[in-house]
Amino acid sequence: MALQERVSLIERSAQQVQAIAAASEEQASAGEEIRRAVKDISTFSTETLDEMSRSVEIISGREEQAWRLCDLVSGTMPLS
C-alpha cells in the first residue's frame, strides 16, 4: 500500500471518528432535553394533583355550606 493511500485511509477514518463523536454529542444533548422535559411533566403533574386536591376540599366545603343553607331556609336547622 502506497503512502498516499495510507494517508487517505487515515483521513477517512479520522472523518468517520469525528462524525461518530458529533452524533454522540447530539444524542447526549437530545437525551438531556428529554430528561428535562420528563422532569417538567412530572413537576406539572404533581402541581396539578395538588391543585385538584385543593379543589376537592373547597368543593366539599361548599357542598356542606349549601346543605346548611338549605336547612336554614327550610327551617330544619337552628340558628346558632
PDB file of N, CA and C in Angstrom:
ATOM      1  N   MET A   1       0.864  -1.178   0.000  1.00  0.00           N
ATOM      2  CA  MET A   1       0.000   0.000   0.000  1.00  0.00           C
ATOM      3  C   MET A   1       0.904   1.232   0.000  1.00  0.00           C
ATOM      4  N   ALA A   2       0.613   2.144  -0.899  1.00  0.00           N
ATOM      5  CA  ALA A   2       1.422   3.345  -1.043  1.00  0.00           C
ATOM      6  C   ALA A   2       1.140   4.307   0.095  1.00  0.00           C
ATOM      7  N   LEU A   3       2.069   5.164   0.344  1.00  0.00           N
ATOM      8  CA  LEU A   3       1.961   6.142   1.429  1.00  0.00           C
ATOM      9  C   LEU A   3       0.733   7.029   1.249  1.00  0.00           C
ATOM     10  N   GLN A   4       0.462   7.467   0.034  1.00  0.00           N
ATOM     11  CA  GLN A   4      -0.694   8.332  -0.224  1.00  0.00           C
ATOM     12  C   GLN A   4      -1.995   7.602   0.092  1.00  0.00           C
ATOM     13  N   GLU A   5      -2.076   6.320  -0.203  1.00  0.00           N
ATOM     14  CA  GLU A   5      -3.272   5.539   0.101  1.00  0.00           C
ATOM     15  C   GLU A   5      -3.474   5.438   1.613  1.00  0.00           C
ATOM     16  N   ARG A   6      -2.373   5.251   2.324  1.00  0.00           N
ATOM     17  CA  ARG A   6      -2.454   5.160   3.792  1.00  0.00           C
ATOM     18  C   ARG A   6      -2.921   6.483   4.386  1.00  0.00           C
ATOM     19  N   VAL A   7      -2.391   7.561   3.880  1.00  0.00           N
ATOM     20  CA  VAL A   7      -2.782   8.883   4.368  1.00  0.00           C
ATOM     21  C   VAL A   7      -4.267   9.109   4.089  1.00  0.00           C
ATOM     22  N   SER A   8      -4.714   8.747   2.915  1.00  0.00           N
ATOM     23  CA  SER A   8      -6.119   8.900   2.564  1.00  0.00           C
ATOM     24  C   SER A   8      -6.999   8.050   3.463  1.00  0.00           C
ATOM     25  N   LEU A   9      -6.596   6.814   3.736  1.00  0.00           N
ATOM     26  CA  LEU A   9      -7.347   5.928   4.620  1.00  0.00           C
ATOM     27  C   LEU A   9      -7.416   6.493   6.038  1.00  0.00           C
ATOM     28  N   ILE A  10      -6.316   7.022   6.517  1.00  0.00           N
ATOM     29  CA  ILE A  10      -6.268   7.614   7.858  1.00  0.00           C
ATOM     30  C   ILE A  10      -7.173   8.845   7.925  1.00  0.00           C
ATOM     31  N   GLU A  11      -7.167   9.656   6.881  1.00  0.00           N
ATOM     32  CA  GLU A  11      -8.027  10.845   6.849  1.00  0.00           C
ATOM     33  C   GLU A  11      -9.505  10.461   6.868  1.00  0.00           C
ATOM     34  N   ARG A  12      -9.867   9.443   6.065  1.00  0.00           N
ATOM     35  CA  ARG A  12     -11.262   8.982   6.073  1.00  0.00           C
ATOM     36  C   ARG A  12     -11.644   8.422   7.441  1.00  0.00           C
ATOM     37  N   SER A  13     -10.738   7.696   8.047  1.00  0.00           N
ATOM     38  CA  SER A  13     -11.007   7.159   9.385  1.00  0.00           C
ATOM     39  C   SER A  13     -11.195   8.285  10.394  1.00  0.00           C
ATOM     40  N   ALA A  14     -10.374   9.306  10.302  1.00  0.00           N
ATOM     41  CA  ALA A  14     -10.489  10.449  11.206  1.00  0.00           C
ATOM     42  C   ALA A  14     -11.822  11.161  10.999  1.00  0.00           C
ATOM     43  N   GLN A  15     -12.242  11.294   9.753  1.00  0.00           N
ATOM     44  CA  GLN A  15     -13.533  11.926   9.470  1.00  0.00           C
ATOM     45  C   GLN A  15     -14.679  11.096  10.046  1.00  0.00           C
ATOM     46  N   GLN A  16     -14.580   9.789   9.939  1.00  0.00           N
ATOM     47  CA  GLN A  16     -15.612   8.908  10.495  1.00  0.00           C
ATOM     48  C   GLN A  16     -15.656   9.027  12.012  1.00  0.00           C
ATOM     49  N   VAL A  17     -14.498   9.087  12.646  1.00  0.00           N
ATOM     50  CA  VAL A  17     -14.437   9.241  14.096  1.00  0.00           C
ATOM     51  C   VAL A  17     -15.060  10.570  14.505  1.00  0.00           C
ATOM     52  N   GLN A  18     -14.776  11.635  13.754  1.00  0.00           N
ATOM     53  CA  GLN A  18     -15.369  12.939  14.041  1.00  0.00           C
ATOM     54  C   GLN A  18     -16.883  12.896  13.881  1.00  0.00           C
ATOM     55  N   ALA A  19     -17.359  12.210  12.844  1.00  0.00           N
ATOM     56  CA  ALA A  19     -18.809  12.110  12.616  1.00  0.00           C
ATOM     57  C   ALA A  19     -19.460  11.323  13.752  1.00  0.00           C
ATOM     58  N   ILE A  20     -18.818  10.262  14.195  1.00  0.00           N
ATOM     59  CA  ILE A  20     -19.346   9.470  15.312  1.00  0.00           C
ATOM     60  C   ILE A  20     -19.377  10.313  16.579  1.00  0.00           C
ATOM     61  N   ALA A  21     -18.327  11.078  16.829  1.00  0.00           N
ATOM     62  CA  ALA A  21     -18.279  11.940  18.017  1.00  0.00           C
ATOM     63  C   ALA A  21     -19.380  12.997  17.962  1.00  0.00           C
ATOM     64  N   ALA A  22     -19.605  13.582  16.784  1.00  0.00           N
ATOM     65  CA  ALA A  22     -20.656  14.594  16.645  1.00  0.00           C
ATOM     66  C   ALA A  22     -22.026  13.969  16.878  1.00  0.00           C
ATOM     67  N   ALA A  23     -22.253  12.784  16.345  1.00  0.00           N
ATOM     68  CA  ALA A  23     -23.532  12.103  16.550  1.00  0.00           C
ATOM     69  C   ALA A  23     -23.731  11.764  18.024  1.00  0.00           C
ATOM     70  N   SER A  24     -22.673  11.359  18.685  1.00  0.00           N
ATOM     71  CA  SER A  24     -22.765  11.056  20.116  1.00  0.00           C
ATOM     72  C   SER A  24     -23.123  12.298  20.922  1.00  0.00           C
ATOM     73  N   GLU A  25     -22.533  13.425  20.571  1.00  0.00           N
ATOM     74  CA  GLU A  25     -22.854  14.681  21.256  1.00  0.00           C
ATOM     75  C   GLU A  25     -24.314  15.061  21.031  1.00  0.00           C
ATOM     76  N   GLU A  26     -24.798  14.882  19.805  1.00  0.00           N
ATOM     77  CA  GLU A  26     -26.200  15.187  19.512  1.00  0.00           C
ATOM     78  C   GLU A  26     -27.131  14.284  20.315  1.00  0.00           C
ATOM     79  N   GLN A  27     -26.791  13.008  20.408  1.00  0.00           N
ATOM     80  CA  GLN A  27     -27.614  12.076  21.173  1.00  0.00           C
ATOM     81  C   GLN A  27     -27.604  12.443  22.649  1.00  0.00           C
ATOM     82  N   ALA A  28     -26.442  12.813  23.167  1.00  0.00           N
ATOM     83  CA  ALA A  28     -26.362  13.207  24.577  1.00  0.00           C
ATOM     84  C   ALA A  28     -27.200  14.453  24.828  1.00  0.00           C
ATOM     85  N   SER A  29     -27.135  15.396  23.896  1.00  0.00           N
ATOM     86  CA  SER A  29     -27.924  16.618  24.028  1.00  0.00           C
ATOM     87  C   SER A  29     -29.418  16.307  23.977  1.00  0.00           C
ATOM     88  N   ALA A  30     -29.815  15.447  23.051  1.00  0.00           N
ATOM     89  CA  ALA A  30     -31.226  15.059  22.951  1.00  0.00           C
ATOM     90  C   ALA A  30     -31.665  14.337  24.218  1.00  0.00           C
ATOM     91  N   GLY A  31     -30.813  13.482  24.749  1.00  0.00           N
ATOM     92  CA  GLY A  31     -31.129  12.778  25.990  1.00  0.00           C
ATOM     93  C   GLY A  31     -31.334  13.747  27.150  1.00  0.00           C
ATOM     94  N   GLU A  32     -30.527  14.774  27.211  1.00  0.00           N
ATOM     95  CA  GLU A  32     -30.658  15.788  28.262  1.00  0.00           C
ATOM     96  C   GLU A  32     -31.962  16.569  28.099  1.00  0.00           C
ATOM     97  N   GLU A  33     -32.319  16.899  26.865  1.00  0.00           N
ATOM     98  CA  GLU A  33     -33.577  17.597  26.618  1.00  0.00           C
ATOM     99  C   GLU A  33     -34.768  16.734  27.035  1.00  0.00           C
ATOM    100  N   ILE A  34     -34.697  15.461  26.737  1.00  0.00           N
ATOM    101  CA  ILE A  34     -35.770  14.539  27.125  1.00  0.00           C
ATOM    102  C   ILE A  34     -35.862  14.458  28.640  1.00  0.00           C
ATOM    103  N   ARG A  35     -34.717  14.371  29.319  1.00  0.00           N
ATOM    104  CA  ARG A  35     -34.709  14.305  30.777  1.00  0.00           C
ATOM    105  C   ARG A  35     -35.358  15.547  31.375  1.00  0.00           C
ATOM    106  N   ARG A  36     -35.019  16.717  30.835  1.00  0.00           N
ATOM    107  CA  ARG A  36     -35.618  17.963  31.335  1.00  0.00           C
ATOM    108  C   ARG A  36     -37.120  17.997  31.077  1.00  0.00           C
ATOM    109  N   ALA A  37     -37.532  17.540  29.891  1.00  0.00           N
ATOM    110  CA  ALA A  37     -38.961  17.534  29.563  1.00  0.00           C
ATOM    111  C   ALA A  37     -39.733  16.603  30.489  1.00  0.00           C
ATOM    112  N   VAL A  38     -39.179  15.443  30.763  1.00  0.00           N
ATOM    113  CA  VAL A  38     -39.841  14.496  31.668  1.00  0.00           C
ATOM    114  C   VAL A  38     -39.926  15.081  33.069  1.00  0.00           C
ATOM    115  N   LYS A  39     -38.869  15.757  33.505  1.00  0.00           N
ATOM    116  CA  LYS A  39     -38.888  16.397  34.824  1.00  0.00           C
ATOM    117  C   LYS A  39     -39.960  17.483  34.877  1.00  0.00           C
ATOM    118  N   ASP A  40     -40.058  18.279  33.814  1.00  0.00           N
ATOM    119  CA  ASP A  40     -41.088  19.328  33.757  1.00  0.00           C
ATOM    120  C   ASP A  40     -42.489  18.726  33.800  1.00  0.00           C
ATOM    121  N   ILE A  41     -42.700  17.655  33.055  1.00  0.00           N
ATOM    122  CA  ILE A  41     -44.002  16.996  33.052  1.00  0.00           C
ATOM    123  C   ILE A  41     -44.327  16.450  34.430  1.00  0.00           C
ATOM    124  N   SER A  42     -43.332  15.865  35.082  1.00  0.00           N
ATOM    125  CA  SER A  42     -43.537  15.330  36.431  1.00  0.00           C
ATOM    126  C   SER A  42     -43.907  16.440  37.407  1.00  0.00           C
ATOM    127  N   THR A  43     -43.207  17.559  37.325  1.00  0.00           N
ATOM    128  CA  THR A  43     -43.499  18.704  38.187  1.00  0.00           C
ATOM    129  C   THR A  43     -44.910  19.223  37.921  1.00  0.00           C
ATOM    130  N   PHE A  44     -45.256  19.365  36.652  1.00  0.00           N
ATOM    131  CA  PHE A  44     -46.584  19.849  36.280  1.00  0.00           C
ATOM    132  C   PHE A  44     -47.662  18.894  36.796  1.00  0.00           C
ATOM    133  N   SER A  45     -47.424  17.595  36.652  1.00  0.00           N
ATOM    134  CA  SER A  45     -48.399  16.595  37.113  1.00  0.00           C
ATOM    135  C   SER A  45     -48.590  16.674  38.622  1.00  0.00           C
ATOM    136  N   THR A  46     -47.499  16.826  39.347  1.00  0.00           N
ATOM    137  CA  THR A  46     -47.584  16.933  40.808  1.00  0.00           C
ATOM    138  C   THR A  46     -48.352  18.192  41.207  1.00  0.00           C
ATOM    139  N   GLU A  47     -48.044  19.303  40.558  1.00  0.00           N
ATOM    140  CA  GLU A  47     -48.746  20.558  40.858  1.00  0.00           C
ATOM    141  C   GLU A  47     -50.235  20.443  40.527  1.00  0.00           C
ATOM    142  N   THR A  48     -50.547  19.791  39.413  1.00  0.00           N
ATOM    143  CA  THR A  48     -51.947  19.606  39.029  1.00  0.00           C
ATOM    144  C   THR A  48     -52.675  18.756  40.052  1.00  0.00           C
ATOM    145  N   LEU A  49     -52.041  17.685  40.504  1.00  0.00           N
ATOM    146  CA  LEU A  49     -52.642  16.831  41.524  1.00  0.00           C
ATOM    147  C   LEU A  49     -52.890  17.609  42.809  1.00  0.00           C
ATOM    148  N   ASP A  50     -51.921  18.411  43.222  1.00  0.00           N
ATOM    149  CA  ASP A  50     -52.095  19.235  44.430  1.00  0.00           C
ATOM    150  C   ASP A  50     -53.266  20.201  44.274  1.00  0.00           C
ATOM    151  N   GLU A  51     -53.349  20.858  43.131  1.00  0.00           N
ATOM    152  CA  GLU A  51     -54.428  21.813  42.893  1.00  0.00           C
ATOM    153  C   GLU A  51     -55.786  21.108  42.839  1.00  0.00           C
ATOM    154  N   MET A  52     -55.828  19.944  42.237  1.00  0.00           N
ATOM    155  CA  MET A  52     -57.085  19.188  42.177  1.00  0.00           C
ATOM    156  C   MET A  52     -57.515  18.760  43.585  1.00  0.00           C
ATOM    157  N   SER A  53     -56.567  18.372  44.423  1.00  0.00           N
ATOM    158  CA  SER A  53     -56.890  18.001  45.805  1.00  0.00           C
ATOM    159  C   SER A  53     -57.464  19.198  46.557  1.00  0.00           C
ATOM    160  N   ARG A  54     -56.850  20.364  46.357  1.00  0.00           N
ATOM    161  CA  ARG A  54     -57.374  21.582  46.993  1.00  0.00           C
ATOM    162  C   ARG A  54     -58.781  21.888  46.480  1.00  0.00           C
ATOM    163  N   SER A  55     -58.987  21.699  45.185  1.00  0.00           N
ATOM    164  CA  SER A  55     -60.312  21.962  44.604  1.00  0.00           C
ATOM    165  C   SER A  55     -61.367  21.039  45.211  1.00  0.00           C
ATOM    166  N   VAL A  56     -61.020  19.786  45.394  1.00  0.00           N
ATOM    167  CA  VAL A  56     -61.958  18.836  46.001  1.00  0.00           C
ATOM    168  C   VAL A  56     -62.312  19.286  47.414  1.00  0.00           C
ATOM    169  N   GLU A  57     -61.314  19.728  48.173  1.00  0.00           N
ATOM    170  CA  GLU A  57     -61.571  20.213  49.533  1.00  0.00           C
ATOM    171  C   GLU A  57     -62.508  21.426  49.508  1.00  0.00           C
ATOM    172  N   ILE A  58     -62.250  22.349  48.603  1.00  0.00           N
ATOM    173  CA  ILE A  58     -63.081  23.556  48.505  1.00  0.00           C
ATOM    174  C   ILE A  58     -64.505  23.190  48.105  1.00  0.00           C
ATOM    175  N   ILE A  59     -64.640  22.313  47.122  1.00  0.00           N
ATOM    176  CA  ILE A  59     -65.979  21.899  46.676  1.00  0.00           C
ATOM    177  C   ILE A  59     -66.721  21.185  47.796  1.00  0.00           C
ATOM    178  N   SER A  60     -66.020  20.348  48.539  1.00  0.00           N
ATOM    179  CA  SER A  60     -66.657  19.652  49.664  1.00  0.00           C
ATOM    180  C   SER A  60     -67.154  20.654  50.702  1.00  0.00           C
ATOM    181  N   GLY A  61     -66.345  21.665  50.974  1.00  0.00           N
ATOM    182  CA  GLY A  61     -66.754  22.714  51.915  1.00  0.00           C
ATOM    183  C   GLY A  61     -67.961  23.473  51.409  1.00  0.00           C
ATOM    184  N   ARG A  62     -67.978  23.765  50.122  1.00  0.00           N
ATOM    185  CA  ARG A  62     -69.120  24.480  49.533  1.00  0.00           C
ATOM    186  C   ARG A  62     -70.382  23.618  49.585  1.00  0.00           C
ATOM    187  N   GLU A  63     -70.225  22.334  49.380  1.00  0.00           N
ATOM    188  CA  GLU A  63     -71.374  21.430  49.443  1.00  0.00           C
ATOM    189  C   GLU A  63     -71.965  21.435  50.856  1.00  0.00           C
ATOM    190  N   GLU A  64     -71.098  21.385  51.828  1.00  0.00           N
ATOM    191  CA  GLU A  64     -71.569  21.412  53.224  1.00  0.00           C
ATOM    192  C   GLU A  64     -72.292  22.723  53.512  1.00  0.00           C
ATOM    193  N   GLN A  65     -71.731  23.830  53.033  1.00  0.00           N
ATOM    194  CA  GLN A  65     -72.375  25.122  53.236  1.00  0.00           C
ATOM    195  C   GLN A  65     -73.730  25.170  52.541  1.00  0.00           C
ATOM    196  N   ALA A  66     -73.812  24.590  51.350  1.00  0.00           N
ATOM    197  CA  ALA A  66     -75.077  24.582  50.621  1.00  0.00           C
ATOM    198  C   ALA A  66     -76.134  23.788  51.395  1.00  0.00           C
ATOM    199  N   TRP A  67     -75.755  22.657  51.962  1.00  0.00           N
ATOM    200  CA  TRP A  67     -76.712  21.868  52.749  1.00  0.00           C
ATOM    201  C   TRP A  67     -77.167  22.637  53.995  1.00  0.00           C
ATOM    202  N   ARG A  68     -76.232  23.324  54.635  1.00  0.00           N
ATOM    203  CA  ARG A  68     -76.604  24.135  55.808  1.00  0.00           C
ATOM    204  C   ARG A  68     -77.588  25.223  55.406  1.00  0.00           C
ATOM    205  N   LEU A  69     -77.315  25.866  54.279  1.00  0.00           N
ATOM    206  CA  LEU A  69     -78.201  26.920  53.798  1.00  0.00           C
ATOM    207  C   LEU A  69     -79.593  26.357  53.494  1.00  0.00           C
ATOM    208  N   CYS A  70     -79.634  25.204  52.870  1.00  0.00           N
ATOM    209  CA  CYS A  70     -80.922  24.557  52.592  1.00  0.00           C
ATOM    210  C   CYS A  70     -81.670  24.280  53.896  1.00  0.00           C
ATOM    211  N   ASP A  71     -80.931  23.784  54.900  1.00  0.00           N
ATOM    212  CA  ASP A  71     -81.557  23.503  56.192  1.00  0.00           C
ATOM    213  C   ASP A  71     -82.068  24.786  56.836  1.00  0.00           C
ATOM    214  N   LEU A  72     -81.283  25.882  56.743  1.00  0.00           N
ATOM    215  CA  LEU A  72     -81.704  27.160  57.305  1.00  0.00           C
ATOM    216  C   LEU A  72     -82.968  27.680  56.611  1.00  0.00           C
ATOM    217  N   VAL A  73     -82.950  27.600  55.302  1.00  0.00           N
ATOM    218  CA  VAL A  73     -84.078  28.107  54.521  1.00  0.00           C
ATOM    219  C   VAL A  73     -85.326  27.281  54.791  1.00  0.00           C
ATOM    220  N   SER A  74     -85.160  25.981  54.924  1.00  0.00           N
ATOM    221  CA  SER A  74     -86.331  25.113  55.157  1.00  0.00           C
ATOM    222  C   SER A  74     -86.750  25.124  56.637  1.00  0.00           C
ATOM    223  N   GLY A  75     -85.932  25.724  57.474  1.00  0.00           N
ATOM    224  CA  GLY A  75     -86.264  25.849  58.895  1.00  0.00           C
ATOM    225  C   GLY A  75     -85.974  24.615  59.719  1.00  0.00           C
ATOM    226  N   THR A  76     -85.187  23.693  59.203  1.00  0.00           N
ATOM    227  CA  THR A  76     -84.878  22.477  59.956  1.00  0.00           C
ATOM    228  C   THR A  76     -83.588  22.579  60.754  1.00  0.00           C
ATOM    229  N   MET A  77     -82.902  23.707  60.645  1.00  0.00           N
ATOM    230  CA  MET A  77     -81.654  23.875  61.387  1.00  0.00           C
ATOM    231  C   MET A  77     -81.765  25.070  62.308  1.00  0.00           C
ATOM    232  N   PRO A  78     -81.339  24.892  63.543  1.00  0.00           N
ATOM    233  CA  PRO A  78     -81.399  26.032  64.474  1.00  0.00           C
ATOM    234  C   PRO A  78     -80.408  27.124  64.076  1.00  0.00           C
ATOM    235  N   LEU A  79     -80.713  28.366  64.384  1.00  0.00           N
ATOM    236  CA  LEU A  79     -79.843  29.495  64.074  1.00  0.00           C
ATOM    237  C   LEU A  79     -78.814  29.700  65.189  1.00  0.00           C
ATOM    238  N   SER A  80     -77.812  28.873  65.220  1.00  0.00           N
ATOM    239  CA  SER A  80     -76.799  29.017  66.269  1.00  0.00           C
ATOM    240  C   SER A  80     -75.455  29.334  65.731  1.00  0.00           C
TER     241      SER A  80
END
